[in-house]
């Protein structure tokens, strides 16, 4: 069973709350959770996963995508074909898969399932900062997903499973 670090339903309150948009395909959403009343800023690839003000989404933070809870190997499997040209080598990424093999030049997909199968948008990142305010009534958790940032703020009791330098997955689906 997967050790869930955080699980809640969020409602989008604002898009690009500072009225700044630094990148065409990235939107910063401001959202608040229903169950734990957590406040969040999250950068998403809005070309791939657009969200609107008022829209609700489920958000899950977990340390692994493996359904049995076993840690990830840390390896991403991409199948690449290499074409040799007289000017050099040229590589094309032809397929991405979680569980696949190449047999006699053919790609065979495995039957391995993951937690990501139940979600629409997945990112992998690292928790790089946890701070508490002076009253210890709020905690702020900062995570980077390859430059797409997340800031979540709220009651420390809902963030007690987080650790500094922890690698984790963010999974989202619209509800």
Protein backbone atom coordinates (compact mmCIF):
# COMPACT_ATOMS: atom_id res chain seq x y z
CA UNK A 1 0.00 0.00 0.00
CA UNK A 2 1.29 3.45 -0.90
CA UNK A 3 2.16 5.80 1.97
CA UNK A 4 0.12 8.90 1.08
CA UNK A 5 1.84 12.10 2.25
CA UNK A 6 -1.04 14.43 1.41
CA UNK A 7 -4.48 13.99 -0.18
CA UNK A 8 -7.18 16.64 -0.62
CA UNK A 9 -9.54 18.33 -3.09
CA UNK A 10 -8.55 21.84 -4.16
CA UNK A 11 -10.57 24.61 -5.80
CA UNK A 12 -8.79 27.04 -8.16
CA UNK A 13 -9.26 30.59 -6.83
CA UNK A 14 -6.98 32.52 -9.20
CA UNK A 15 -4.77 32.04 -12.25
CA UNK A 16 -1.43 33.89 -12.25
CA UNK A 17 -2.28 35.72 -8.99
CA UNK A 18 0.49 38.33 -9.36
CA UNK A 19 -0.77 39.22 -12.86
CA UNK A 20 2.58 38.05 -14.21
CA UNK A 21 3.06 35.30 -16.74
CA UNK A 22 6.72 34.50 -17.28
CA UNK A 23 6.28 31.55 -19.65
CA UNK A 24 3.64 30.96 -22.34
CA UNK A 25 2.87 27.37 -21.39
CA UNK A 26 3.07 27.71 -17.59
CA UNK A 27 0.28 28.96 -15.34
CA UNK A 28 0.56 29.55 -11.60
CA UNK A 29 -2.66 28.55 -9.89
CA UNK A 30 -3.78 29.75 -6.48
CA UNK A 31 -6.01 27.20 -4.79
CA UNK A 32 -7.45 26.26 -1.41
CA UNK A 33 -8.20 22.75 -0.18
CA UNK A 34 -11.62 21.66 1.05
CA UNK A 35 -10.79 19.24 3.86
CA UNK A 36 -7.63 20.73 5.42
CA UNK A 37 -8.04 24.39 4.35
CA UNK A 38 -4.51 24.45 2.91
CA UNK A 39 -3.47 27.36 0.67
CA UNK A 40 -1.40 26.54 -2.42
CA UNK A 41 0.43 28.10 -5.33
CA UNK A 42 1.27 25.56 -8.04
CA UNK A 43 2.92 26.00 -11.43
CA UNK A 44 1.44 23.71 -14.08
CA UNK A 45 2.02 23.15 -17.78
CA UNK A 46 -1.24 24.76 -18.90
CA UNK A 47 -0.83 23.61 -22.49
CA UNK A 48 -0.95 19.98 -21.33
CA UNK A 49 -3.29 20.42 -18.35
CA UNK A 50 -5.40 23.60 -18.45
CA UNK A 51 -7.39 24.61 -15.37
CA UNK A 52 -10.02 27.34 -14.91
CA UNK A 53 -11.02 29.50 -11.95
CA UNK A 54 -13.61 27.62 -9.89
CA UNK A 55 -12.52 24.21 -11.14
CA UNK A 56 -11.87 21.49 -8.55
CA UNK A 57 -9.14 18.88 -8.66
CA UNK A 58 -7.90 16.05 -6.48
CA UNK A 59 -4.24 16.35 -5.48
CA UNK A 60 -2.15 13.53 -4.08
CA UNK A 61 1.49 13.65 -2.93
CA UNK A 62 3.24 10.27 -2.65
CA UNK A 63 6.84 9.00 -2.47
CA UNK A 64 6.33 6.26 -5.08
CA UNK A 65 4.05 5.35 -7.97
CA UNK A 66 4.27 1.63 -7.17
CA UNK A 67 0.91 0.33 -5.98
CA UNK A 68 2.53 -1.94 -3.41
CA UNK A 69 4.42 1.01 -1.90
CA UNK A 70 7.89 -0.21 -2.81
CA UNK A 71 10.37 2.60 -3.50
CA UNK A 72 11.05 3.65 -7.07
CA UNK A 73 14.29 2.54 -8.64
CA UNK A 74 15.03 6.09 -9.74
CA UNK A 75 15.28 5.02 -13.37
CA UNK A 76 13.07 6.24 -16.19
CA UNK A 77 12.69 3.86 -19.10
CA UNK A 78 12.59 5.48 -22.50
CA UNK A 79 12.95 3.42 -25.63
CA UNK A 80 15.23 5.05 -28.17
CA UNK A 81 15.99 4.15 -31.77
CA UNK A 82 19.32 5.20 -33.14
CA UNK A 83 19.75 5.83 -36.86
CA UNK A 84 23.27 5.87 -38.20
CA UNK A 85 23.79 8.46 -40.90
CA UNK A 86 27.01 9.13 -42.73
CA UNK A 87 27.07 12.51 -40.97
CA UNK A 88 26.85 10.93 -37.50
CA UNK A 89 24.27 9.38 -35.25
CA UNK A 90 20.71 10.60 -34.86
CA UNK A 91 18.45 9.45 -32.04
CA UNK A 92 14.67 9.63 -31.86
CA UNK A 93 12.62 9.00 -28.76
CA UNK A 94 9.93 6.71 -30.09
CA UNK A 95 8.14 5.57 -26.98
CA UNK A 96 8.00 6.18 -23.26
CA UNK A 97 6.80 3.50 -20.92
CA UNK A 98 6.79 2.55 -17.29
CA UNK A 99 7.35 -1.15 -17.95
CA UNK A 100 8.60 -2.16 -21.40
CA UNK A 101 11.27 -4.20 -23.13
CA UNK A 102 12.77 -4.35 -26.58
CA UNK A 103 12.76 -7.84 -28.11
CA UNK A 104 14.25 -8.32 -31.56
CA UNK A 105 13.66 -4.66 -32.40
CA UNK A 106 10.03 -4.68 -31.27
CA UNK A 107 8.73 -2.77 -28.26
CA UNK A 108 6.78 -4.96 -25.86
CA UNK A 109 4.75 -3.21 -23.22
CA UNK A 110 4.61 -4.82 -19.82
CA UNK A 111 1.54 -5.22 -17.72
CA UNK A 112 2.80 -3.22 -14.77
CA UNK A 113 0.32 -0.71 -13.38
CA UNK A 114 1.04 2.32 -11.25
CA UNK A 115 -0.77 4.91 -9.18
CA UNK A 116 -0.43 7.29 -12.15
CA UNK A 117 -2.96 5.19 -14.10
CA UNK A 118 -5.75 6.81 -12.04
CA UNK A 119 -4.67 10.42 -12.60
CA UNK A 120 -4.48 12.91 -15.49
CA UNK A 121 -1.39 14.95 -14.59
CA UNK A 122 1.75 13.71 -12.81
CA UNK A 123 4.99 15.47 -11.83
CA UNK A 124 8.09 14.27 -9.97
CA UNK A 125 9.95 16.64 -7.70
CA UNK A 126 11.92 17.35 -4.57
CA UNK A 127 10.89 19.06 -1.35
CA UNK A 128 13.53 21.74 -0.80
CA UNK A 129 12.23 23.85 2.08
CA UNK A 130 9.93 23.57 5.11
CA UNK A 131 9.37 26.60 7.32
CA UNK A 132 7.13 27.30 10.30
CA UNK A 133 5.99 30.78 11.26
CA UNK A 134 6.95 32.18 14.67
CA UNK A 135 3.61 31.17 16.21
CA UNK A 136 3.94 27.60 14.87
CA UNK A 137 0.36 27.85 13.61
CA UNK A 138 1.32 27.61 9.93
CA UNK A 139 3.87 25.64 8.00
CA UNK A 140 5.03 26.35 4.45
CA UNK A 141 6.22 23.48 2.23
CA UNK A 142 8.15 24.27 -0.97
CA UNK A 143 8.62 21.67 -3.72
CA UNK A 144 10.31 21.98 -7.11
CA UNK A 145 9.15 19.84 -10.02
CA UNK A 146 12.00 20.52 -12.44
CA UNK A 147 11.48 24.27 -12.08
CA UNK A 148 7.70 24.20 -11.78
CA UNK A 149 7.18 25.26 -8.18
CA UNK A 150 4.66 24.43 -5.49
CA UNK A 151 4.08 26.27 -2.22
CA UNK A 152 1.58 24.84 0.23
CA UNK A 153 0.76 26.60 3.50
CA UNK A 154 -1.42 25.64 6.43
CA UNK A 155 -1.77 23.70 9.66
CA UNK A 156 1.45 21.79 10.52
CA UNK A 157 -0.52 18.68 11.53
CA UNK A 158 -1.37 18.08 7.86
CA UNK A 159 2.29 18.27 6.80
CA UNK A 160 3.91 16.01 9.39
CA UNK A 161 4.88 13.32 6.85
CA UNK A 162 7.05 15.69 4.81
CA UNK A 163 10.85 15.69 5.10
CA UNK A 164 13.51 17.98 3.69
CA UNK A 165 15.07 16.69 0.41
CA UNK A 166 12.25 14.16 0.03
CA UNK A 167 11.54 13.05 -3.54
CA UNK A 168 7.86 12.76 -4.32
CA UNK A 169 5.19 12.61 -6.98
CA UNK A 170 2.32 15.03 -7.43
CA UNK A 171 -0.77 13.46 -9.02
CA UNK A 172 -3.83 15.43 -10.14
CA UNK A 173 -7.23 14.75 -11.66
CA UNK A 174 -10.21 17.02 -12.18
CA UNK A 175 -13.29 16.27 -10.08
